[in-house]
Amino acid sequence: MNAKLQRFKKIASGILVPLGILFIAYIGIRNWEELTLAFSEFDQSLFALSVAAGVLGNLGIALLFRSLLVKHNALISARDAASLFYVSQVTKYVPGKIWGVLYQASRVEGMTGSIAILLSNVELMAIAMFTNIVIAISILSASTYPEISYSTIILGIGFTYYLTKANPLRFVRNYLDKKLDTEKLDTITHSENVLYDLFAYWVCSGLFVVAHFALLSAFFDLDTISNLHLIGYLLLAWAISVLFVVMPAGIGVKEVVFLLLAGGSTEYSEGLLVTVAIVSRFWQVTMDFSGAALVFALRRFFGKF
């Protein structure tokens, strides 16, 4: 069954990934005039600032990743956790969705560490999806239903705190311990910095909103509300695209979902939405590779990471 599933994923990735890339190319060619205009006149300094803010924002995710690893009994420093996370952001562009996890597992000791990597990634992905949905709902409802906006953020913080402290994947851990004949670890431990890591995660989540705002401001002359609403749709699209595990980095899926969500509004033209989708993808790739390059540079020149 596992072999058949792996074969299906490989075939699906081989078909769907090119389709995703072709879809992005197709919508770009259809709206070539708007796209080339945006890239010919964008504010490069503001774009660089948005990329830098995104790279820094990933640090909050990396710190939370550290807390999740420690919870699953894989002791790791903040420096090593950041290195693992930043470099693995590049591997997610390889079809299969598993290469990032395999890279991280190769950097820890033993099967117990590998299990911790797997469980921590699942929890981190759930937290990231939930966070994006929470922030998106908060942004989209802020102008008309501020009480919903504030309540959603409070709920989101509470839920991420629960996932960070609790052990919702205990049954998976027990199954893997039995199947792989590894040390049975029913108990969990918590990093002494878990509250700090959680705080940093939410601060950096806010920084991602700032990064998106700077990105849109670099390419488009829109009012604040329009920018915020587009950010909300982009965050929702990312959260939904994560569910399509055969698509590396949600290529094509995120763009389709964004166009469907934002296309329901008569406020935006098709050309604008297509350009936003492609600009967002360009920013995401630039940010991911910039973060990995930063880690390699620190390793090479300063012996860090």
Protein backbone atom coordinates (compact mmCIF):
# COMPACT_ATOMS: atom_id res chain seq x y z
CA MET A 1 0.00 0.00 0.00
CA ASN A 2 2.80 2.42 0.91
CA ALA A 3 4.65 1.62 -2.31
CA LYS A 4 1.49 2.27 -4.34
CA LEU A 5 0.90 5.54 -2.51
CA GLN A 6 4.47 6.69 -3.14
CA ARG A 7 4.16 5.75 -6.81
CA PHE A 8 0.90 7.69 -7.07
CA LYS A 9 2.47 10.78 -5.46
CA LYS A 10 5.43 10.60 -7.83
CA ILE A 11 3.21 10.32 -10.89
CA ALA A 12 0.86 13.04 -9.63
CA SER A 13 3.76 15.38 -8.92
CA GLY A 14 5.24 14.72 -12.36
CA ILE A 15 1.94 15.72 -13.97
CA LEU A 16 0.62 18.46 -11.69
CA VAL A 17 3.83 20.42 -11.14
CA PRO A 18 4.32 21.21 -14.85
CA LEU A 19 0.62 22.05 -15.05
CA GLY A 20 1.01 24.49 -12.16
CA ILE A 21 3.97 26.17 -13.83
CA LEU A 22 2.15 26.27 -17.17
CA PHE A 23 -0.88 27.84 -15.52
CA ILE A 24 1.24 30.64 -14.03
CA ALA A 25 2.89 31.15 -17.44
CA TYR A 26 -0.53 31.18 -19.15
CA ILE A 27 -2.10 33.82 -16.91
CA GLY A 28 1.11 35.85 -17.12
CA ILE A 29 1.07 35.85 -20.94
CA ARG A 30 -2.64 36.72 -20.96
CA ASN A 31 -1.91 39.77 -18.83
CA TRP A 32 1.57 40.48 -20.17
CA GLU A 33 1.11 44.24 -20.51
CA GLU A 34 0.09 44.76 -16.86
CA LEU A 35 2.77 42.33 -15.67
CA THR A 36 5.64 43.94 -17.57
CA LEU A 37 4.49 47.39 -16.51
CA ALA A 38 4.51 46.39 -12.84
CA PHE A 39 8.01 44.88 -13.04
CA SER A 40 9.41 47.80 -15.04
CA GLU A 41 8.29 50.44 -12.55
CA PHE A 42 8.45 48.73 -9.14
CA ASP A 43 10.30 50.25 -6.19
CA GLN A 44 13.37 48.03 -5.83
CA SER A 45 14.29 49.39 -2.39
CA LEU A 46 10.82 48.69 -1.02
CA PHE A 47 10.87 45.24 -2.57
CA ALA A 48 14.24 44.50 -0.96
CA LEU A 49 12.82 45.69 2.37
CA SER A 50 9.84 43.36 2.01
CA VAL A 51 12.15 40.40 1.27
CA ALA A 52 14.33 41.27 4.29
CA ALA A 53 11.23 41.50 6.49
CA GLY A 54 10.07 38.10 5.21
CA VAL A 55 13.46 36.49 5.88
CA LEU A 56 13.44 37.94 9.39
CA GLY A 57 9.85 36.78 9.86
CA ASN A 58 10.93 33.22 9.17
CA LEU A 59 13.11 33.43 12.26
CA GLY A 60 9.98 33.42 14.44
CA ILE A 61 8.80 30.24 12.72
CA ALA A 62 12.23 28.69 13.21
CA LEU A 63 12.14 29.46 16.95
CA LEU A 64 8.72 27.86 17.29
CA PHE A 65 10.07 24.88 15.34
CA ARG A 66 12.81 24.63 17.99
CA SER A 67 10.22 24.49 20.77
CA LEU A 68 8.28 21.76 18.97
CA LEU A 69 11.45 19.70 18.49
CA VAL A 70 12.36 20.03 22.16
CA LYS A 71 8.82 19.00 23.07
CA HIS A 72 9.33 15.78 21.12
CA ASN A 73 12.63 15.11 22.92
CA ALA A 74 14.99 16.33 20.20
CA LEU A 75 17.22 18.79 22.01
CA ILE A 76 18.41 21.45 19.60
CA SER A 77 19.75 24.98 19.87
CA ALA A 78 17.99 28.00 18.38
CA ARG A 79 20.90 28.41 15.95
CA ASP A 80 20.65 24.84 14.65
CA ALA A 81 16.85 25.02 14.42
CA ALA A 82 17.09 28.24 12.38
CA SER A 83 19.66 26.65 10.07
CA LEU A 84 17.47 23.59 9.53
CA PHE A 85 14.38 25.66 8.84
CA TYR A 86 15.89 28.22 6.48
CA VAL A 87 17.68 25.65 4.31
CA SER A 88 14.64 23.36 4.18
CA GLN A 89 12.61 26.22 2.68
CA VAL A 90 14.55 25.69 -0.55
CA THR A 91 14.01 21.93 -0.61
CA LYS A 92 10.22 22.40 -0.61
CA TYR A 93 10.45 23.33 -4.30
CA VAL A 94 11.46 19.76 -5.10
CA PRO A 95 8.37 17.65 -5.97
CA GLY A 96 7.25 15.26 -3.25
CA LYS A 97 6.98 17.50 -0.16
CA ILE A 98 9.28 15.14 1.72
CA TRP A 99 12.75 16.43 0.84
CA GLY A 100 12.68 19.19 3.44
CA VAL A 101 11.86 16.67 6.15
CA LEU A 102 14.56 14.29 4.90
CA TYR A 103 17.13 17.09 4.96
CA GLN A 104 16.19 18.03 8.52
CA ALA A 105 16.21 14.36 9.62
CA SER A 106 19.74 13.99 8.27
CA ARG A 107 20.90 16.70 10.67
CA VAL A 108 19.68 15.04 13.87
CA GLU A 109 20.82 11.89 15.60
CA GLY A 110 19.01 8.55 15.50
CA MET A 111 15.53 7.43 14.59
CA THR A 112 14.11 9.18 17.66
CA GLY A 113 15.36 12.49 16.31
CA SER A 114 13.90 11.71 12.88
CA ILE A 115 10.49 11.00 14.43
CA ALA A 116 10.71 14.29 16.30
CA ILE A 117 11.45 16.07 13.00
CA LEU A 118 8.41 14.47 11.36
CA LEU A 119 5.97 15.24 14.19
CA SER A 120 7.30 18.78 14.65
CA ASN A 121 6.84 19.51 10.94
CA VAL A 122 3.25 18.27 11.02
CA GLU A 123 2.45 20.43 14.05
CA LEU A 124 4.28 23.44 12.62
CA MET A 125 2.37 23.17 9.36
CA ALA A 126 -0.94 22.97 11.25
CA ILE A 127 0.01 26.01 13.32
CA ALA A 128 1.13 27.97 10.24
CA MET A 129 -2.07 27.15 8.34
CA PHE A 130 -4.23 28.12 11.30
CA THR A 131 -2.25 31.32 11.87
CA ASN A 132 -2.62 32.42 8.25
CA ILE A 133 -6.35 31.76 8.32
CA VAL A 134 -6.72 33.64 11.62
CA ILE A 135 -4.77 36.67 10.40
CA ALA A 136 -6.63 36.66 7.07
CA ILE A 137 -10.04 36.60 8.78
CA SER A 138 -8.90 39.32 11.16
CA ILE A 139 -7.74 41.54 8.29
CA LEU A 140 -10.81 40.99 6.11
CA SER A 141 -13.25 41.61 8.98
CA ALA A 142 -11.42 44.50 10.66
CA SER A 143 -13.19 47.35 8.89
CA THR A 144 -16.73 46.00 9.24
CA TYR A 145 -16.64 43.64 12.26
CA PRO A 146 -13.76 44.74 14.51
CA GLU A 147 -14.97 42.59 17.41
CA ILE A 148 -14.64 39.48 15.22
CA SER A 149 -11.19 40.62 14.16
CA TYR A 150 -9.91 40.98 17.73
CA SER A 151 -11.57 37.78 18.93
CA THR A 152 -10.08 35.79 16.07
CA ILE A 153 -6.55 36.90 16.93
CA ILE A 154 -7.04 36.00 20.61
CA LEU A 155 -8.42 32.59 19.61
CA GLY A 156 -5.47 32.05 17.27
CA ILE A 157 -2.90 32.83 19.94
CA GLY A 158 -4.66 30.50 22.38
CA PHE A 159 -4.82 27.64 19.89
CA THR A 160 -1.16 27.93 18.89
CA TYR A 161 -0.25 27.96 22.59
CA TYR A 162 -2.22 24.73 23.04
CA LEU A 163 -0.57 23.01 20.05
CA THR A 164 2.86 24.10 21.26
CA LYS A 165 2.34 22.83 24.81
CA ALA A 166 0.11 19.78 24.23
CA ASN A 167 0.87 16.49 22.51
CA PRO A 168 -1.93 16.01 19.95
CA LEU A 169 0.15 13.51 17.93
CA ARG A 170 0.82 11.16 20.85
CA PHE A 171 -0.91 8.24 19.10
CA VAL A 172 1.30 8.74 16.03
CA ARG A 173 4.39 8.82 18.21
CA ASN A 174 3.39 5.60 19.96
CA TYR A 175 2.68 3.88 16.64
CA LEU A 176 6.04 4.89 15.16
CA ASP A 177 7.91 3.86 18.31
CA LYS A 178 6.31 0.43 18.11
CA LYS A 179 6.74 0.07 14.36
CA LEU A 180 10.36 1.20 14.28
CA ASP A 181 11.33 -0.31 17.62
CA THR A 182 12.56 3.00 18.98
CA GLU A 183 12.53 4.35 22.50
CA LYS A 184 8.97 4.78 23.72
CA LEU A 185 8.48 8.41 24.75
CA ASP A 186 5.02 8.99 26.17
CA THR A 187 6.17 12.06 28.07
CA ILE A 188 6.97 15.38 26.48
CA THR A 189 9.34 18.08 27.60
CA HIS A 190 9.12 21.80 27.03
CA SER A 191 11.79 24.27 26.10
CA GLU A 192 12.42 26.79 28.85
CA ASN A 193 12.03 29.40 26.10
CA VAL A 194 8.67 28.15 24.84
CA LEU A 195 6.74 31.32 25.76
CA TYR A 196 9.45 33.50 24.26
CA ASP A 197 9.41 31.40 21.08
CA LEU A 198 5.63 31.64 20.85
CA PHE A 199 5.76 35.41 21.38
CA ALA A 200 8.46 35.75 18.71
CA TYR A 201 6.37 33.61 16.36
CA TRP A 202 3.35 35.92 16.59
CA VAL A 203 5.46 39.07 16.36
CA CYS A 204 7.07 37.67 13.22
CA SER A 205 3.65 36.68 11.87
CA GLY A 206 2.75 40.35 12.14
CA LEU A 207 6.03 41.14 10.39
CA PHE A 208 4.89 38.98 7.47
CA VAL A 209 1.83 41.22 7.09
CA VAL A 210 4.16 44.24 7.03
CA ALA A 211 6.35 42.46 4.45
CA HIS A 212 3.31 41.78 2.24
CA PHE A 213 2.19 45.40 2.58
CA ALA A 214 5.65 46.63 1.55
CA LEU A 215 5.60 44.20 -1.39
CA LEU A 216 2.26 45.42 -2.71
CA SER A 217 3.28 49.05 -2.15
CA ALA A 218 6.45 48.43 -4.16
CA PHE A 219 4.49 47.29 -7.21
CA PHE A 220 1.07 48.91 -7.00
CA ASP A 221 -0.48 52.27 -6.16
CA LEU A 222 -3.41 51.04 -4.07
CA ASP A 223 -5.05 52.40 -0.94
CA THR A 224 -4.41 50.84 2.45
CA ILE A 225 -7.69 48.91 2.65
CA SER A 226 -7.22 47.39 -0.81
CA ASN A 227 -3.69 46.32 0.09
CA LEU A 228 -4.85 44.72 3.34
CA HIS A 229 -7.69 42.84 1.66
CA LEU A 230 -5.32 41.47 -0.99
CA ILE A 231 -2.98 40.35 1.81
CA GLY A 232 -5.91 38.57 3.46
CA TYR A 233 -6.70 36.69 0.24
CA LEU A 234 -3.01 35.79 -0.25
CA LEU A 235 -2.78 34.36 3.27
CA LEU A 236 -5.95 32.31 2.79
CA ALA A 237 -4.68 31.05 -0.56
CA TRP A 238 -1.40 29.94 1.00
CA ALA A 239 -3.19 28.07 3.80
CA ILE A 240 -5.39 26.21 1.32
CA SER A 241 -2.53 25.42 -1.05
CA VAL A 242 -0.65 23.62 1.75
CA LEU A 243 -3.29 20.88 1.64
CA PHE A 244 -2.19 19.91 -1.89
CA VAL A 245 0.79 17.88 -0.78
CA VAL A 246 1.87 16.79 -4.27
CA MET A 247 2.51 20.37 -5.34
CA PRO A 248 5.90 21.72 -4.22
CA ALA A 249 5.39 25.04 -2.43
CA GLY A 250 1.79 25.05 -3.69
CA ILE A 251 2.93 26.18 -7.16
CA GLY A 252 -0.13 26.94 -9.25
CA VAL A 253 -2.59 26.02 -6.50
CA LYS A 254 -1.99 29.16 -4.44
CA GLU A 255 -2.41 31.30 -7.55
CA VAL A 256 -5.67 29.59 -8.56
CA VAL A 257 -7.15 29.88 -5.06
CA PHE A 258 -6.10 33.53 -4.77
CA LEU A 259 -7.72 34.41 -8.09
CA LEU A 260 -10.93 32.62 -7.07
CA LEU A 261 -11.07 34.33 -3.67
CA ALA A 262 -10.15 37.84 -4.75
CA GLY A 263 -11.96 37.52 -8.07
CA GLY A 264 -15.27 37.59 -6.23
CA SER A 265 -14.75 41.30 -5.63
CA THR A 266 -15.51 43.81 -8.39
CA GLU A 267 -12.91 46.12 -6.87
CA TYR A 268 -9.98 44.47 -8.68
CA SER A 269 -9.36 43.87 -12.38
CA GLU A 270 -8.20 40.52 -13.69
CA GLY A 271 -4.89 42.03 -14.76
CA LEU A 272 -4.23 43.40 -11.28
CA LEU A 273 -5.03 40.11 -9.54
CA VAL A 274 -2.89 38.07 -11.93
CA THR A 275 0.00 40.46 -11.43
CA VAL A 276 -0.41 40.28 -7.64
CA ALA A 277 -0.40 36.47 -7.77
CA ILE A 278 2.79 36.33 -9.87
CA VAL A 279 4.52 39.08 -7.88
CA SER A 280 3.69 37.22 -4.66
CA ARG A 281 5.19 33.99 -6.05
CA PHE A 282 8.31 35.87 -7.18
CA TRP A 283 8.65 37.39 -3.71
CA GLN A 284 8.18 34.01 -2.01
CA VAL A 285 10.88 32.33 -4.07
CA THR A 286 13.26 35.26 -3.59
CA MET A 287 12.68 35.24 0.16
CA ASP A 288 13.18 31.47 0.53
CA PHE A 289 16.41 31.39 -1.44
CA SER A 290 17.68 34.57 0.26
CA GLY A 291 17.18 32.95 3.68
CA ALA A 292 19.08 29.83 2.64
CA ALA A 293 21.83 31.94 1.07
CA LEU A 294 22.15 33.89 4.31
CA VAL A 295 22.67 30.67 6.27
CA PHE A 296 25.33 29.45 3.85
CA ALA A 297 27.07 32.85 3.97
CA LEU A 298 27.14 32.83 7.75
CA ARG A 299 28.55 29.30 7.70
CA ARG A 300 31.18 30.18 5.11
CA PHE A 301 32.46 33.51 6.37
CA PHE A 302 31.71 33.50 10.10
CA GLY A 303 31.50 29.82 11.03
CA LYS A 304 27.91 30.32 12.24
CA PHE A 305 24.95 28.05 11.60
